[in-house]
N, C-alpha and C. Protein backbone atom coordinates (compact mmCIF):
# COMPACT_ATOMS: atom_id res chain seq x y z
N MET A 1 -52.18 -16.53 -186.51
CA MET A 1 -51.68 -17.31 -185.42
C MET A 1 -52.28 -18.84 -185.46
N VAL A 2 -53.75 -18.82 -185.95
CA VAL A 2 -53.90 -20.23 -186.15
C VAL A 2 -53.50 -21.15 -187.03
N HIS A 3 -52.77 -20.64 -188.13
CA HIS A 3 -51.72 -21.42 -189.12
C HIS A 3 -50.53 -21.33 -188.68
N GLY A 4 -49.96 -20.08 -188.23
CA GLY A 4 -48.39 -20.37 -188.01
C GLY A 4 -47.96 -21.23 -186.59
N PHE A 5 -49.07 -20.69 -185.50
CA PHE A 5 -48.60 -21.67 -184.19
C PHE A 5 -49.39 -22.85 -184.05
N LEU A 6 -50.30 -22.97 -185.14
CA LEU A 6 -51.28 -24.16 -185.21
C LEU A 6 -52.25 -23.96 -183.80
N LEU A 7 -52.62 -23.08 -183.65
CA LEU A 7 -53.35 -22.75 -182.44
C LEU A 7 -55.10 -22.88 -182.96
N SER A 8 -55.79 -23.60 -182.03
CA SER A 8 -57.10 -23.69 -182.03
C SER A 8 -57.80 -22.26 -181.87
N ASN A 9 -59.20 -22.20 -182.37
CA ASN A 9 -59.57 -20.97 -182.36
C ASN A 9 -60.11 -20.80 -181.06
N GLU A 10 -60.03 -21.38 -180.18
CA GLU A 10 -60.05 -20.87 -178.84
C GLU A 10 -58.73 -20.37 -177.92
N GLN A 11 -57.70 -20.90 -178.52
CA GLN A 11 -56.31 -20.35 -178.16
C GLN A 11 -56.10 -19.14 -178.71
N ALA A 12 -56.48 -18.95 -179.84
CA ALA A 12 -56.19 -17.71 -180.28
C ALA A 12 -57.04 -16.59 -180.01
N GLY A 13 -58.09 -17.24 -179.63
CA GLY A 13 -58.98 -15.94 -179.09
C GLY A 13 -58.57 -15.49 -177.85
N HIS A 14 -58.02 -16.44 -176.99
CA HIS A 14 -57.62 -16.06 -175.70
C HIS A 14 -56.47 -15.00 -175.49
N LEU A 15 -55.47 -15.60 -176.41
CA LEU A 15 -54.16 -14.65 -176.90
C LEU A 15 -54.32 -13.58 -177.26
N LEU A 16 -55.67 -13.14 -178.25
CA LEU A 16 -55.87 -12.17 -178.80
C LEU A 16 -56.60 -11.18 -177.75
N GLU A 17 -57.58 -11.80 -177.00
CA GLU A 17 -58.33 -11.05 -175.87
C GLU A 17 -57.37 -10.72 -174.87
N GLY A 18 -56.26 -11.32 -174.62
CA GLY A 18 -55.50 -10.91 -173.43
C GLY A 18 -54.26 -9.76 -173.81
N GLU A 19 -53.65 -10.23 -175.00
CA GLU A 19 -52.87 -9.43 -175.37
C GLU A 19 -52.90 -8.66 -176.50
N TYR A 20 -53.73 -8.84 -177.56
CA TYR A 20 -53.71 -7.70 -178.73
C TYR A 20 -54.78 -6.61 -178.44
N ASN A 21 -56.00 -7.03 -177.92
CA ASN A 21 -57.19 -6.41 -177.85
C ASN A 21 -56.87 -5.14 -176.85
N PRO A 22 -56.18 -5.24 -175.73
CA PRO A 22 -55.91 -4.07 -174.68
C PRO A 22 -55.24 -3.11 -175.66
N ARG A 23 -54.52 -3.33 -176.71
CA ARG A 23 -53.65 -2.27 -177.03
C ARG A 23 -54.21 -1.81 -178.40
N CYS A 24 -55.55 -2.21 -178.80
CA CYS A 24 -56.42 -1.59 -179.87
C CYS A 24 -57.17 -0.50 -179.54
N ILE A 25 -57.09 0.47 -180.51
CA ILE A 25 -57.81 1.97 -180.26
C ILE A 25 -58.97 2.10 -180.95
N PRO A 26 -60.12 2.16 -180.40
CA PRO A 26 -60.51 1.42 -179.02
C PRO A 26 -60.19 -0.20 -178.90
N PRO A 27 -60.31 -0.55 -177.77
CA PRO A 27 -60.45 -1.95 -177.63
C PRO A 27 -61.93 -2.65 -178.09
N TRP A 28 -61.82 -3.67 -178.65
CA TRP A 28 -63.29 -4.24 -178.46
C TRP A 28 -64.04 -4.34 -177.01
N ASP A 29 -65.29 -4.25 -177.28
CA ASP A 29 -66.00 -4.02 -175.78
C ASP A 29 -66.42 -5.75 -175.93
N LEU A 30 -65.91 -6.30 -175.34
CA LEU A 30 -65.93 -8.00 -175.65
C LEU A 30 -67.23 -8.40 -174.55
N SER A 31 -67.51 -7.47 -173.22
CA SER A 31 -68.73 -7.58 -172.67
C SER A 31 -69.72 -7.36 -173.68
N ASP A 32 -69.91 -6.69 -174.86
CA ASP A 32 -70.85 -6.68 -175.53
C ASP A 32 -70.96 -7.89 -176.56
N PRO A 33 -72.08 -8.51 -176.62
CA PRO A 33 -72.24 -9.71 -177.63
C PRO A 33 -72.18 -9.76 -179.01
N LYS A 34 -72.39 -8.56 -179.33
CA LYS A 34 -72.21 -8.14 -180.70
C LYS A 34 -70.84 -8.08 -181.20
N ASP A 35 -70.16 -7.33 -180.10
CA ASP A 35 -68.39 -7.14 -180.40
C ASP A 35 -67.98 -8.66 -180.20
N ARG A 36 -68.31 -9.33 -179.33
CA ARG A 36 -67.88 -10.77 -178.89
C ARG A 36 -68.11 -11.50 -179.97
N LYS A 37 -69.18 -11.73 -180.88
CA LYS A 37 -69.58 -12.06 -181.69
C LYS A 37 -68.69 -12.02 -182.93
N ASP A 38 -68.59 -10.60 -183.35
CA ASP A 38 -67.68 -10.42 -184.48
C ASP A 38 -66.30 -10.66 -184.37
N PHE A 39 -65.54 -10.66 -182.95
CA PHE A 39 -64.48 -11.07 -182.72
C PHE A 39 -64.25 -12.46 -182.75
N VAL A 40 -64.97 -13.45 -182.43
CA VAL A 40 -64.93 -14.63 -182.88
C VAL A 40 -65.11 -15.04 -184.24
N ARG A 41 -66.00 -14.56 -184.89
CA ARG A 41 -66.17 -14.75 -186.39
C ARG A 41 -64.54 -14.08 -187.19
N LYS A 42 -63.97 -13.02 -186.67
CA LYS A 42 -62.57 -12.92 -187.42
C LYS A 42 -61.74 -13.99 -187.41
N ILE A 43 -61.84 -14.74 -185.90
CA ILE A 43 -60.78 -15.80 -185.88
C ILE A 43 -61.34 -16.76 -187.09
N ALA A 44 -62.41 -17.25 -186.64
CA ALA A 44 -62.71 -18.25 -187.60
C ALA A 44 -62.68 -17.77 -189.23
N GLU A 45 -62.76 -16.51 -189.60
CA GLU A 45 -62.27 -16.18 -191.25
C GLU A 45 -60.96 -16.46 -191.22
N ALA A 46 -60.29 -16.05 -190.32
CA ALA A 46 -58.79 -16.49 -190.49
C ALA A 46 -58.35 -17.73 -190.77
N ARG A 47 -58.91 -18.66 -190.09
CA ARG A 47 -58.92 -20.14 -190.38
C ARG A 47 -58.98 -20.24 -191.61
N LYS A 48 -60.18 -19.77 -192.26
CA LYS A 48 -60.73 -20.51 -193.70
C LYS A 48 -59.56 -19.90 -194.51
N LEU A 49 -58.84 -18.76 -194.51
CA LEU A 49 -57.70 -18.28 -195.35
C LEU A 49 -56.67 -19.32 -195.78
N THR A 50 -56.10 -19.47 -197.09
CA THR A 50 -55.21 -20.35 -197.24
C THR A 50 -53.82 -19.97 -196.82
N PRO A 51 -53.04 -20.42 -195.88
CA PRO A 51 -51.73 -20.01 -195.30
C PRO A 51 -50.80 -19.71 -196.69
N LEU A 52 -49.89 -18.64 -196.82
CA LEU A 52 -48.58 -18.60 -197.52
C LEU A 52 -47.56 -19.61 -197.25
N ASN A 53 -47.48 -19.91 -196.10
CA ASN A 53 -46.49 -20.76 -195.70
C ASN A 53 -46.74 -22.18 -195.12
N PRO A 54 -45.92 -23.00 -194.81
CA PRO A 54 -46.48 -24.31 -194.42
C PRO A 54 -47.35 -24.20 -193.04
N LEU A 55 -48.11 -24.92 -192.85
CA LEU A 55 -48.90 -25.20 -191.41
C LEU A 55 -47.69 -25.17 -190.24
N GLY A 56 -47.71 -24.16 -189.20
CA GLY A 56 -46.90 -24.47 -188.26
C GLY A 56 -45.25 -23.62 -188.51
N TRP A 57 -45.60 -22.83 -189.51
CA TRP A 57 -44.02 -22.32 -189.78
C TRP A 57 -43.39 -21.50 -188.75
N LEU A 58 -44.53 -21.21 -187.58
CA LEU A 58 -43.61 -20.03 -186.62
C LEU A 58 -43.43 -20.87 -185.35
N LEU A 59 -43.67 -22.01 -185.23
CA LEU A 59 -43.33 -22.79 -184.43
C LEU A 59 -41.75 -22.82 -183.83
N ASN A 60 -41.25 -22.87 -184.80
CA ASN A 60 -39.48 -22.92 -184.85
C ASN A 60 -38.95 -21.54 -185.18
N ASP A 61 -39.48 -20.72 -184.99
CA ASP A 61 -39.07 -19.26 -185.35
C ASP A 61 -38.58 -18.70 -184.19
N ASP A 62 -36.83 -18.46 -184.39
CA ASP A 62 -36.01 -17.85 -183.17
C ASP A 62 -36.86 -16.45 -182.67
N ASP A 63 -37.72 -16.11 -183.33
CA ASP A 63 -38.32 -14.45 -182.84
C ASP A 63 -39.23 -14.83 -181.80
N TYR A 64 -40.15 -15.77 -181.81
CA TYR A 64 -40.74 -16.49 -180.71
C TYR A 64 -40.52 -17.48 -179.77
N ALA A 65 -39.32 -17.05 -178.67
CA ALA A 65 -39.04 -17.74 -177.75
C ALA A 65 -40.28 -18.16 -176.51
N PRO A 66 -40.24 -19.51 -176.51
CA PRO A 66 -41.33 -19.78 -175.38
C PRO A 66 -41.17 -18.97 -173.91
N ILE A 67 -42.46 -18.53 -173.71
CA ILE A 67 -42.44 -17.53 -172.56
C ILE A 67 -42.38 -18.32 -171.40
N GLN A 68 -42.72 -19.68 -171.38
CA GLN A 68 -42.63 -20.20 -169.91
C GLN A 68 -41.25 -20.30 -169.52
N ASN A 69 -40.48 -20.08 -170.13
CA ASN A 69 -39.05 -20.25 -169.61
C ASN A 69 -38.57 -18.68 -169.40
N LEU A 70 -39.04 -17.63 -169.34
CA LEU A 70 -38.94 -16.60 -169.13
C LEU A 70 -39.32 -15.94 -167.90
N VAL A 71 -40.36 -16.59 -167.45
CA VAL A 71 -41.30 -16.13 -165.88
C VAL A 71 -41.44 -17.48 -165.23
N SER A 72 -40.80 -17.28 -163.65
CA SER A 72 -41.12 -18.49 -162.94
C SER A 72 -42.69 -18.21 -162.38
N GLY A 73 -42.61 -19.55 -161.97
CA GLY A 73 -44.10 -19.23 -160.86
C GLY A 73 -44.13 -18.38 -160.06
N LYS A 74 -42.86 -18.50 -159.17
CA LYS A 74 -42.81 -17.59 -158.01
C LYS A 74 -43.29 -16.20 -158.44
N ASP A 75 -42.55 -15.66 -159.74
CA ASP A 75 -42.77 -14.22 -160.05
C ASP A 75 -44.05 -14.10 -160.58
N VAL A 76 -44.98 -15.24 -161.07
CA VAL A 76 -46.33 -15.01 -161.36
C VAL A 76 -46.88 -14.86 -160.12
N MET A 77 -46.82 -15.51 -159.21
CA MET A 77 -47.44 -15.51 -157.87
C MET A 77 -47.32 -13.95 -157.46
N LYS A 78 -46.15 -13.24 -157.74
CA LYS A 78 -45.83 -11.80 -157.12
C LYS A 78 -46.80 -10.87 -157.95
N LEU A 79 -46.68 -11.33 -159.17
CA LEU A 79 -47.63 -9.97 -159.78
C LEU A 79 -49.17 -10.42 -159.41
N VAL A 80 -49.50 -11.55 -159.12
CA VAL A 80 -50.91 -11.54 -158.91
C VAL A 80 -51.11 -10.99 -157.61
N GLU A 81 -50.32 -11.51 -156.11
CA GLU A 81 -50.46 -10.63 -155.25
C GLU A 81 -50.29 -8.83 -154.99
N ASN A 82 -49.28 -8.66 -156.20
CA ASN A 82 -49.55 -7.25 -156.34
C ASN A 82 -50.70 -6.41 -157.25
N SER A 83 -51.34 -7.52 -157.76
CA SER A 83 -52.26 -6.80 -158.23
C SER A 83 -53.74 -6.94 -157.67
N GLU A 84 -53.78 -7.82 -156.83
CA GLU A 84 -54.71 -8.02 -155.73
C GLU A 84 -54.70 -6.82 -154.76
N LYS A 85 -53.57 -6.41 -154.48
CA LYS A 85 -52.99 -5.45 -153.39
C LYS A 85 -53.52 -4.06 -154.01
N LYS A 86 -52.96 -4.11 -155.12
CA LYS A 86 -53.38 -2.77 -156.16
C LYS A 86 -54.86 -2.62 -155.96
N ALA A 87 -55.58 -3.50 -156.40
CA ALA A 87 -57.11 -3.45 -156.63
C ALA A 87 -57.75 -3.26 -155.42
N TRP A 88 -57.50 -4.19 -154.26
CA TRP A 88 -57.86 -3.70 -152.96
C TRP A 88 -57.53 -1.95 -152.26
N GLN A 89 -56.54 -1.65 -152.62
CA GLN A 89 -55.80 -0.22 -152.44
C GLN A 89 -56.69 0.50 -153.09
N GLU A 90 -56.95 0.53 -154.43
CA GLU A 90 -58.04 1.36 -155.33
C GLU A 90 -59.49 1.02 -154.78
N SER A 91 -60.05 0.01 -154.41
CA SER A 91 -61.34 -0.04 -153.79
C SER A 91 -61.24 0.83 -152.47
N GLN A 92 -60.34 0.79 -151.83
CA GLN A 92 -60.41 1.47 -150.53
C GLN A 92 -60.35 3.02 -150.63
N LYS A 93 -59.55 3.43 -151.77
CA LYS A 93 -59.56 4.79 -152.11
C LYS A 93 -61.00 5.32 -152.73
N LEU A 94 -61.63 4.51 -153.56
CA LEU A 94 -62.84 4.68 -153.85
C LEU A 94 -63.81 4.84 -152.82
N GLN A 95 -63.82 3.97 -151.95
CA GLN A 95 -64.83 4.04 -150.79
C GLN A 95 -64.55 5.47 -149.73
N ALA A 96 -63.56 5.74 -149.60
CA ALA A 96 -63.10 6.62 -149.09
C ALA A 96 -63.56 8.07 -149.79
N GLU A 97 -63.19 8.25 -151.28
CA GLU A 97 -63.89 9.08 -151.66
C GLU A 97 -65.40 9.21 -151.59
N ALA A 98 -66.16 8.25 -151.89
CA ALA A 98 -67.45 8.30 -152.12
C ALA A 98 -68.04 8.58 -150.62
N MET A 99 -67.48 8.26 -149.51
CA MET A 99 -67.81 8.42 -148.24
C MET A 99 -67.54 10.07 -147.85
N ALA A 100 -66.35 10.65 -148.49
CA ALA A 100 -66.44 12.00 -148.16
C ALA A 100 -67.44 12.59 -149.11
N LYS A 101 -67.65 12.45 -150.21
CA LYS A 101 -68.52 13.10 -151.10
C LYS A 101 -69.90 12.82 -150.58
N TRP A 102 -70.63 11.63 -150.07
CA TRP A 102 -71.98 11.33 -149.76
C TRP A 102 -72.25 10.89 -148.38
N GLY A 103 -71.11 10.54 -147.75
CA GLY A 103 -71.20 10.50 -146.02
C GLY A 103 -72.03 8.85 -146.14
N THR A 104 -72.42 8.53 -145.24
CA THR A 104 -72.64 7.32 -144.78
C THR A 104 -74.44 6.98 -145.10
N ASN A 105 -74.56 5.70 -145.34
CA ASN A 105 -76.16 5.41 -145.37
C ASN A 105 -76.62 5.30 -144.04
N ASP A 106 -75.87 5.02 -143.07
CA ASP A 106 -76.64 4.82 -141.57
C ASP A 106 -77.79 5.96 -141.02
């Protein structure tokens, strides 16, 4: 990623954290400072490797279409709204379950 797409360590880290890590089994626990340090180290180590292809070779590869053209801002806002609504509904459900189990603190 850092060589093929000419990404900074920060950009690569952001993509790996958001797209790759959730699919790892088990995912890295990036709230753990030790795991985060190792995660960042792996990106830095990748940068030290000598690429087999010229720098930026994936930038014009047809298999990697720019995603900004695939999703509109309106679609993103819908996703955010739905996510927030789902989180609120889940919190209400958990609150109701807690009330049923333990009652109130009044």
